[in-house]
N, C-alpha and C. Protein backbone atom coordinates (compact mmCIF):
# COMPACT_ATOMS: atom_id res chain seq x y z
N MET A 1 -5.14 -5.42 -26.94
CA MET A 1 -5.37 -5.87 -25.22
C MET A 1 -5.09 -3.93 -24.69
N ARG A 2 -5.18 -3.06 -24.62
CA ARG A 2 -4.64 -2.04 -24.57
C ARG A 2 -5.82 -1.50 -23.25
N ILE A 3 -5.14 -0.60 -22.83
CA ILE A 3 -6.41 0.21 -21.12
C ILE A 3 -5.80 1.75 -21.15
N SER A 4 -6.91 2.44 -21.35
CA SER A 4 -7.01 3.48 -21.50
C SER A 4 -6.60 4.79 -19.88
N LEU A 5 -5.90 5.79 -20.14
CA LEU A 5 -5.70 6.25 -18.86
C LEU A 5 -6.97 6.38 -17.54
N ASN A 6 -8.15 6.50 -18.72
CA ASN A 6 -9.75 7.01 -18.20
C ASN A 6 -10.22 5.54 -17.63
N ASP A 7 -10.03 4.61 -18.12
CA ASP A 7 -9.68 2.99 -17.44
C ASP A 7 -8.85 2.80 -16.05
N ILE A 8 -8.21 2.98 -16.14
CA ILE A 8 -7.34 3.18 -14.89
C ILE A 8 -7.82 3.98 -13.91
N ARG A 9 -7.97 5.23 -13.69
CA ARG A 9 -8.55 5.90 -13.65
C ARG A 9 -10.40 5.32 -12.84
N SER A 10 -10.62 5.14 -13.59
CA SER A 10 -12.13 4.45 -13.40
C SER A 10 -11.74 3.01 -12.65
N ILE A 11 -11.01 2.30 -12.43
CA ILE A 11 -11.09 1.07 -12.05
C ILE A 11 -10.20 1.79 -10.38
N GLU A 12 -9.34 2.62 -10.73
CA GLU A 12 -8.78 3.14 -9.46
C GLU A 12 -9.99 3.53 -8.34
N ASN A 13 -10.34 4.26 -8.77
CA ASN A 13 -12.18 5.32 -8.08
C ASN A 13 -12.70 3.59 -7.37
N TYR A 14 -12.80 2.74 -8.00
CA TYR A 14 -13.82 1.83 -7.65
C TYR A 14 -12.67 0.81 -6.57
N LEU A 15 -11.86 0.85 -7.07
CA LEU A 15 -11.24 -0.19 -5.91
C LEU A 15 -10.56 1.13 -4.77
N GLU A 16 -10.77 1.84 -4.28
CA GLU A 16 -10.37 2.99 -3.40
C GLU A 16 -11.93 3.32 -3.13
N GLY A 17 -12.72 2.60 -3.66
CA GLY A 17 -14.11 2.67 -3.01
C GLY A 17 -14.58 4.44 -3.06
N THR A 18 -14.51 4.90 -4.12
CA THR A 18 -14.63 6.47 -4.09
C THR A 18 -15.89 6.97 -4.94
N LEU A 19 -16.09 6.21 -5.77
CA LEU A 19 -17.44 6.21 -6.80
C LEU A 19 -18.50 6.44 -5.53
N THR A 20 -19.63 6.85 -6.10
CA THR A 20 -20.98 7.48 -5.64
C THR A 20 -21.26 6.01 -5.87
N PRO A 21 -22.43 5.93 -5.34
CA PRO A 21 -23.38 4.14 -5.01
C PRO A 21 -23.46 4.01 -6.08
N GLU A 22 -24.01 4.47 -7.10
CA GLU A 22 -24.36 4.80 -8.79
C GLU A 22 -23.74 4.81 -9.84
N GLU A 23 -22.46 5.07 -9.13
CA GLU A 23 -21.56 4.92 -10.18
C GLU A 23 -20.80 4.08 -10.24
N SER A 24 -20.94 2.72 -8.58
CA SER A 24 -20.40 1.69 -7.96
C SER A 24 -21.67 0.49 -9.40
N LEU A 25 -22.56 0.56 -8.96
CA LEU A 25 -23.57 0.10 -9.51
C LEU A 25 -22.94 -0.18 -10.84
N VAL A 26 -22.61 0.50 -11.74
CA VAL A 26 -22.45 0.60 -13.35
C VAL A 26 -21.58 -0.08 -13.16
N PHE A 27 -20.69 0.79 -12.73
CA PHE A 27 -18.87 0.13 -12.99
C PHE A 27 -19.10 -1.57 -12.44
N GLN A 28 -19.90 -2.42 -11.66
CA GLN A 28 -20.06 -3.93 -11.03
C GLN A 28 -20.88 -3.87 -11.94
N ALA A 29 -21.75 -3.47 -12.65
CA ALA A 29 -22.53 -4.60 -14.48
C ALA A 29 -21.49 -4.47 -15.88
N LYS A 30 -20.91 -3.26 -15.67
CA LYS A 30 -19.26 -3.67 -16.98
C LYS A 30 -18.58 -4.41 -16.24
N LEU A 31 -18.52 -4.93 -15.15
CA LEU A 31 -17.67 -5.72 -14.69
C LEU A 31 -17.68 -7.25 -15.27
N LEU A 32 -19.05 -7.15 -14.74
CA LEU A 32 -19.77 -8.20 -15.32
C LEU A 32 -20.73 -8.67 -16.79
N SER A 33 -20.27 -7.97 -17.33
CA SER A 33 -20.85 -7.73 -18.83
C SER A 33 -18.88 -8.16 -19.57
N ASP A 34 -18.35 -7.29 -19.22
CA ASP A 34 -16.33 -6.90 -20.24
C ASP A 34 -15.36 -7.71 -19.16
N PRO A 35 -15.78 -8.77 -19.84
CA PRO A 35 -14.14 -9.94 -19.50
C PRO A 35 -13.19 -9.00 -19.82
N VAL A 36 -12.50 -8.39 -20.97
CA VAL A 36 -11.28 -7.52 -20.17
C VAL A 36 -10.97 -6.96 -19.07
N LEU A 37 -12.51 -5.82 -19.03
CA LEU A 37 -12.51 -4.82 -17.22
C LEU A 37 -12.56 -6.23 -16.67
N LYS A 38 -12.60 -6.78 -16.25
CA LYS A 38 -12.95 -7.22 -15.04
C LYS A 38 -11.03 -8.46 -15.20
N TRP A 39 -10.84 -8.31 -15.84
CA TRP A 39 -8.92 -8.74 -15.88
C TRP A 39 -8.41 -8.01 -15.96
N ASN A 40 -8.90 -6.69 -16.03
CA ASN A 40 -7.63 -5.13 -15.38
C ASN A 40 -8.05 -4.83 -14.56
N VAL A 41 -9.14 -5.08 -13.40
CA VAL A 41 -9.50 -4.76 -12.61
C VAL A 41 -8.39 -6.28 -11.70
N TYR A 42 -8.68 -7.14 -12.11
CA TYR A 42 -7.79 -7.88 -11.12
C TYR A 42 -6.36 -7.43 -11.56
N VAL A 43 -6.07 -7.46 -12.70
CA VAL A 43 -4.37 -6.79 -12.41
C VAL A 43 -3.66 -5.79 -11.69
N GLN A 44 -4.82 -5.13 -11.59
CA GLN A 44 -4.60 -3.33 -10.86
C GLN A 44 -4.48 -4.09 -10.00
N GLN A 45 -5.53 -4.68 -9.33
CA GLN A 45 -5.34 -5.30 -7.88
C GLN A 45 -4.77 -5.94 -7.09
N LYS A 46 -3.33 -6.52 -8.15
CA LYS A 46 -2.22 -7.48 -7.95
C LYS A 46 -0.87 -6.38 -8.20
N VAL A 47 -1.26 -5.06 -8.73
CA VAL A 47 0.17 -3.97 -9.23
C VAL A 47 -0.24 -3.54 -7.38
N TYR A 48 -1.22 -3.11 -7.28
CA TYR A 48 -1.73 -2.53 -5.35
C TYR A 48 -1.40 -3.52 -4.93
N SER A 49 -1.19 -4.42 -4.56
CA SER A 49 -0.64 -5.67 -3.48
C SER A 49 0.68 -5.52 -3.09
N ILE A 50 1.83 -5.76 -4.72
CA ILE A 50 3.44 -6.02 -5.20
C ILE A 50 3.18 -4.80 -4.48
N LEU A 51 2.55 -3.33 -5.18
CA LEU A 51 3.50 -2.26 -4.67
C LEU A 51 3.52 -1.82 -2.31
N HIS A 52 2.12 -2.39 -1.90
CA HIS A 52 1.92 -2.12 -1.16
C HIS A 52 2.86 -3.06 -0.28
N LEU A 53 3.42 -4.15 -0.72
CA LEU A 53 4.41 -4.73 -0.36
C LEU A 53 6.21 -4.28 0.24
N TYR A 54 5.89 -3.88 -1.82
CA TYR A 54 7.45 -3.32 -1.42
C TYR A 54 7.70 -1.91 -1.04
N HIS A 55 6.22 -1.80 -0.31
CA HIS A 55 6.13 -0.19 0.45
C HIS A 55 6.16 -0.54 2.11
N ARG A 56 5.93 -2.42 2.16
CA ARG A 56 6.36 -2.25 3.45
C ARG A 56 7.86 -3.04 4.16
N LYS A 57 7.97 -3.38 3.04
CA LYS A 57 9.61 -4.10 3.23
C LYS A 57 10.95 -2.24 3.47
N LYS A 58 10.11 -1.85 2.23
CA LYS A 58 10.98 -0.28 2.09
C LYS A 58 11.50 0.12 3.88
N LEU A 59 10.07 0.41 4.18
CA LEU A 59 9.81 1.03 5.62
C LEU A 59 10.37 -0.06 5.96
N LYS A 60 10.40 -1.51 6.56
CA LYS A 60 11.41 -1.98 7.48
C LYS A 60 12.43 -1.64 7.02
N GLU A 61 12.59 -1.83 6.38
CA GLU A 61 14.44 -1.06 6.35
C GLU A 61 14.89 -0.39 6.35
N GLU A 62 14.19 0.33 6.54
CA GLU A 62 14.23 1.76 7.08
C GLU A 62 14.96 1.68 8.28
N ALA A 63 13.53 1.34 8.41
CA ALA A 63 13.06 0.91 10.64
C ALA A 63 14.90 -0.22 11.04
N GLU A 64 14.91 -0.81 10.39
CA GLU A 64 16.00 -1.37 10.70
C GLU A 64 17.16 -0.29 10.96
N THR A 65 17.50 0.59 10.08
CA THR A 65 18.69 1.36 9.94
C THR A 65 18.99 1.92 10.56
N ILE A 66 17.19 3.06 11.51
CA ILE A 66 17.65 3.48 12.53
C ILE A 66 17.80 2.89 13.50
N HIS A 67 16.96 1.46 13.77
CA HIS A 67 17.62 0.78 14.21
C HIS A 67 18.99 0.56 15.17
N GLN A 68 19.75 0.36 14.26
CA GLN A 68 20.91 -0.08 13.89
C GLN A 68 21.54 1.25 15.04
N ARG A 69 21.66 2.42 13.93
CA ARG A 69 22.15 3.72 14.57
C ARG A 69 21.93 3.83 15.61
N LEU A 70 20.11 3.45 16.23
CA LEU A 70 20.54 3.75 17.06
C LEU A 70 20.94 3.23 18.44
N PHE A 71 20.44 2.16 18.14
CA PHE A 71 20.49 1.10 19.71
C PHE A 71 22.15 0.35 19.08
N GLY A 72 23.32 -0.24 17.90
CA GLY A 72 24.33 -0.44 17.86
C GLY A 72 25.10 0.62 17.86
N ASP A 73 25.63 1.62 18.72
CA ASP A 73 26.72 2.76 18.76
C ASP A 73 26.60 2.86 20.46
N PRO A 74 28.03 2.10 20.60
CA PRO A 74 28.03 2.55 22.16
C PRO A 74 28.73 3.30 22.55
N MET A 75 28.46 4.79 21.45
CA MET A 75 28.38 5.83 22.04
C MET A 75 27.11 6.76 22.28
N ARG A 76 26.46 5.95 22.12
CA ARG A 76 24.89 5.82 23.06
C ARG A 76 23.92 5.55 23.27
N VAL A 77 25.24 5.18 24.61
CA VAL A 77 24.35 4.15 25.56
C VAL A 77 23.69 5.01 26.83
N ASP A 78 23.60 6.33 27.17
CA ASP A 78 23.14 6.96 27.20
C ASP A 78 21.63 6.87 26.65
N PHE A 79 21.21 7.23 25.47
CA PHE A 79 20.43 7.01 24.95
C PHE A 79 19.08 5.97 25.01
N GLN A 80 20.77 4.81 24.92
CA GLN A 80 19.53 3.89 25.27
C GLN A 80 18.94 3.21 26.41
N GLN A 81 19.97 3.98 27.91
CA GLN A 81 19.06 3.51 29.16
C GLN A 81 18.30 4.35 28.88
N ALA A 82 17.87 5.37 28.33
CA ALA A 82 16.84 5.92 28.71
C ALA A 82 15.88 6.18 27.74
N VAL A 83 15.32 5.20 26.96
CA VAL A 83 14.61 4.66 25.72
C VAL A 83 14.55 3.11 26.57
N TYR A 84 14.67 2.14 27.38
CA TYR A 84 14.47 1.43 28.01
C TYR A 84 14.15 1.88 29.38
N GLN A 85 14.76 2.58 29.63
CA GLN A 85 13.31 3.46 30.86
C GLN A 85 12.32 3.61 30.78
N LEU A 86 12.21 4.34 29.52
CA LEU A 86 10.53 5.22 28.73
C LEU A 86 9.58 3.25 29.42
N PHE A 87 10.60 2.36 28.83
CA PHE A 87 9.25 1.18 28.36
C PHE A 87 9.53 -0.12 29.64
N LYS A 88 10.01 0.05 30.54
CA LYS A 88 9.79 -0.05 31.99
C LYS A 88 8.65 -0.16 32.19
N HIS A 89 7.93 0.49 33.12
CA HIS A 89 7.28 0.85 33.77
C HIS A 89 6.11 0.78 33.22
């Protein structure tokens, strides 16, 4: 069960909603008649979901690192107080 780069591109365009209405209808018709294509769309959706979750996790880790650098350093008390003042009003 091999998938071609063209199939991957078509699935990606379908999932991103970049197909024309006519292309989308043709693709949906193929989905109804081709179980392999349907499976490949499902798998590609799952891969995108996993990548999205991974990206969110990495972004959260980076934000936490920055937060620790800025608000965990006693040498930056002036900066910390200035930021807190911005949110008091």
